[in-house]
Amino acid sequence: MKPLHSSAVGFCSIFFAVLSTPALAQDSPEAVVKKRFEATAHRDLDAIAALYAADAIETSPAFCVARQGSVGARKTYGDLFHDLPGIENEVTNFVVDGSHVAVQFIARVRKPDGSIALEVPLADFLTVEHGRIVRDDTYFDTKGRPCS
């Protein structure tokens, strides 16, 4: 029978090794994009901006010129939350291929009575490297409205 001290030391060694191992899964492309949707649901601009690389490129039919980095992401989502304060997203399809993530989702805004005021299907194609979004291309039907 092993002395209790030896077993405790072994357990502590394993425990601290597990705690000190980087959580790579948290930085996986899938995890990063899911964090962005969670942060969007909570209207957390700081969390959203932190997920974008400093040189990230963001494109959308909603704006005419690509936006860059966390500053661009902060503008995109800040404008969105200001213009559509009740917006919510329903993810309908999520595909991961290496560093690339494709997401189909429906953005909705409801009237005070719960009925739908606005519903827009979107597709988002993202590239994640080293735990940060480096490319974010969003597509949706603008119904003929020019970008701004």
Protein backbone atom coordinates (compact mmCIF):
# COMPACT_ATOMS: atom_id res chain seq x y z
CA MET A 1 0.00 0.00 0.00
CA LYS A 2 1.32 3.45 -0.95
CA PRO A 3 1.58 6.04 1.76
CA LEU A 4 -1.12 8.71 1.60
CA HIS A 5 1.48 11.43 1.14
CA SER A 6 2.75 9.88 -2.12
CA SER A 7 -0.78 9.67 -3.57
CA ALA A 8 -1.58 13.25 -2.57
CA VAL A 9 1.61 14.53 -4.20
CA GLY A 10 0.79 12.61 -7.39
CA PHE A 11 -2.76 13.98 -7.47
CA CYS A 12 -1.57 17.55 -6.89
CA SER A 13 1.02 17.21 -9.66
CA ILE A 14 -1.64 16.06 -12.14
CA PHE A 15 -4.12 18.70 -10.93
CA PHE A 16 -1.63 21.57 -11.39
CA ALA A 17 -0.46 20.22 -14.76
CA VAL A 18 -4.06 20.26 -16.01
CA LEU A 19 -4.62 23.79 -14.67
CA SER A 20 -1.46 25.14 -16.26
CA THR A 21 -2.15 23.60 -19.69
CA PRO A 22 -3.44 26.25 -22.13
CA ALA A 23 -7.09 25.75 -23.00
CA LEU A 24 -6.64 25.51 -26.76
CA ALA A 25 -10.28 24.55 -27.25
CA GLN A 26 -11.33 27.98 -25.97
CA ASP A 27 -9.36 29.58 -28.79
CA SER A 28 -10.61 27.22 -31.49
CA PRO A 29 -12.36 28.88 -34.43
CA GLU A 30 -15.67 27.38 -33.35
CA ALA A 31 -15.31 28.60 -29.75
CA VAL A 32 -14.28 32.11 -30.83
CA VAL A 33 -17.26 32.52 -33.17
CA LYS A 34 -19.65 31.15 -30.55
CA LYS A 35 -18.20 33.65 -28.06
CA ARG A 36 -18.94 36.42 -30.54
CA PHE A 37 -22.59 35.36 -30.80
CA GLU A 38 -22.81 35.16 -26.98
CA ALA A 39 -21.25 38.60 -26.59
CA THR A 40 -23.66 39.95 -29.21
CA ALA A 41 -26.61 38.53 -27.28
CA HIS A 42 -25.33 40.36 -24.17
CA ARG A 43 -24.57 43.59 -26.06
CA ASP A 44 -20.98 43.38 -24.79
CA LEU A 45 -18.95 45.61 -27.13
CA ASP A 46 -15.71 45.06 -25.18
CA ALA A 47 -16.01 41.28 -25.47
CA ILE A 48 -16.84 41.51 -29.17
CA ALA A 49 -13.93 43.86 -29.91
CA ALA A 50 -11.52 41.61 -27.96
CA LEU A 51 -12.29 38.73 -30.34
CA TYR A 52 -11.00 40.63 -33.39
CA ALA A 53 -7.32 40.83 -34.39
CA ALA A 54 -5.86 44.33 -34.70
CA ASP A 55 -5.62 43.90 -38.47
CA ALA A 56 -8.91 42.01 -38.97
CA ILE A 57 -10.94 42.83 -42.08
CA GLU A 58 -14.73 43.06 -41.82
CA THR A 59 -16.98 43.42 -44.86
CA SER A 60 -20.74 43.74 -45.18
CA PRO A 61 -23.29 45.15 -47.61
CA ALA A 62 -24.27 47.44 -44.72
CA PHE A 63 -21.11 49.53 -45.18
CA CYS A 64 -19.29 50.60 -48.35
CA VAL A 65 -15.70 50.32 -47.13
CA ALA A 66 -14.21 47.37 -45.24
CA ARG A 67 -13.71 47.99 -41.54
CA GLN A 68 -10.55 47.04 -39.74
CA GLY A 69 -9.68 45.50 -36.40
CA SER A 70 -11.43 45.75 -33.07
CA VAL A 71 -12.21 49.42 -33.75
CA GLY A 72 -14.16 48.40 -36.85
CA ALA A 73 -15.98 45.63 -34.97
CA ARG A 74 -16.85 48.06 -32.17
CA LYS A 75 -18.34 50.47 -34.73
CA THR A 76 -20.29 47.72 -36.49
CA TYR A 77 -21.85 46.33 -33.33
CA GLY A 78 -22.21 49.70 -31.61
CA ASP A 79 -24.20 50.99 -34.60
CA LEU A 80 -26.23 47.79 -34.70
CA PHE A 81 -27.15 47.94 -31.00
CA HIS A 82 -28.00 51.64 -31.30
CA ASP A 83 -30.14 51.28 -34.42
CA LEU A 84 -31.80 47.97 -33.48
CA PRO A 85 -31.67 47.74 -29.67
CA GLY A 86 -33.83 44.62 -29.46
CA ILE A 87 -31.99 42.62 -32.13
CA GLU A 88 -31.60 38.90 -31.50
CA ASN A 89 -29.93 36.19 -33.58
CA GLU A 90 -31.01 32.62 -34.24
CA VAL A 91 -28.20 30.48 -35.61
CA THR A 92 -29.58 28.00 -38.13
CA ASN A 93 -26.37 26.45 -39.51
CA PHE A 94 -22.79 26.36 -38.25
CA VAL A 95 -19.95 24.77 -40.26
CA VAL A 96 -16.29 24.65 -39.26
CA ASP A 97 -13.45 23.75 -41.63
CA GLY A 98 -10.06 24.33 -40.05
CA SER A 99 -9.69 28.05 -39.40
CA HIS A 100 -12.84 28.88 -41.40
CA VAL A 101 -16.33 29.13 -39.92
CA ALA A 102 -19.55 29.61 -41.91
CA VAL A 103 -22.67 30.63 -40.00
CA GLN A 104 -26.20 31.08 -41.28
CA PHE A 105 -28.47 32.95 -38.92
CA ILE A 106 -31.61 35.02 -38.74
CA ALA A 107 -31.52 38.47 -37.18
CA ARG A 108 -34.84 39.52 -35.66
CA VAL A 109 -36.30 42.56 -34.00
CA ARG A 110 -39.64 42.27 -32.24
CA LYS A 111 -42.36 44.80 -31.62
CA PRO A 112 -43.50 45.44 -28.02
CA ASP A 113 -46.36 42.96 -28.54
CA GLY A 114 -43.84 40.21 -29.49
CA SER A 115 -44.63 40.15 -33.18
CA ILE A 116 -41.74 40.39 -35.63
CA ALA A 117 -40.85 43.88 -36.81
CA LEU A 118 -37.79 42.85 -38.84
CA GLU A 119 -36.36 39.50 -39.90
CA VAL A 120 -33.23 39.18 -42.03
CA PRO A 121 -31.44 35.96 -43.00
CA LEU A 122 -27.65 36.38 -43.04
CA ALA A 123 -24.55 34.36 -43.86
CA ASP A 124 -21.27 35.08 -42.11
CA PHE A 125 -17.93 33.66 -43.26
CA LEU A 126 -15.15 34.08 -40.73
CA THR A 127 -11.49 33.16 -40.48
CA VAL A 128 -9.99 32.71 -37.03
CA GLU A 129 -6.24 32.55 -36.35
CA HIS A 130 -4.54 32.34 -32.96
CA GLY A 131 -7.86 32.79 -31.15
CA ARG A 132 -8.83 36.01 -32.97
CA ILE A 133 -11.11 36.77 -35.89
CA VAL A 134 -8.95 37.96 -38.79
CA ARG A 135 -11.63 38.06 -41.49
CA ASP A 136 -15.40 38.54 -41.20
CA ASP A 137 -17.47 38.68 -44.39
CA THR A 138 -21.21 39.05 -43.88
CA TYR A 139 -23.83 38.69 -46.62
CA PHE A 140 -27.51 39.54 -46.67
CA ASP A 141 -30.11 40.93 -49.07
CA THR A 142 -30.10 44.72 -48.80
CA LYS A 143 -33.43 44.93 -50.70
CA GLY A 144 -31.80 47.46 -53.02
CA ARG A 145 -30.67 49.88 -50.29
CA PRO A 146 -27.21 51.34 -50.95
CA CYS A 147 -24.45 50.84 -48.40
CA SER A 148 -23.70 53.66 -45.99
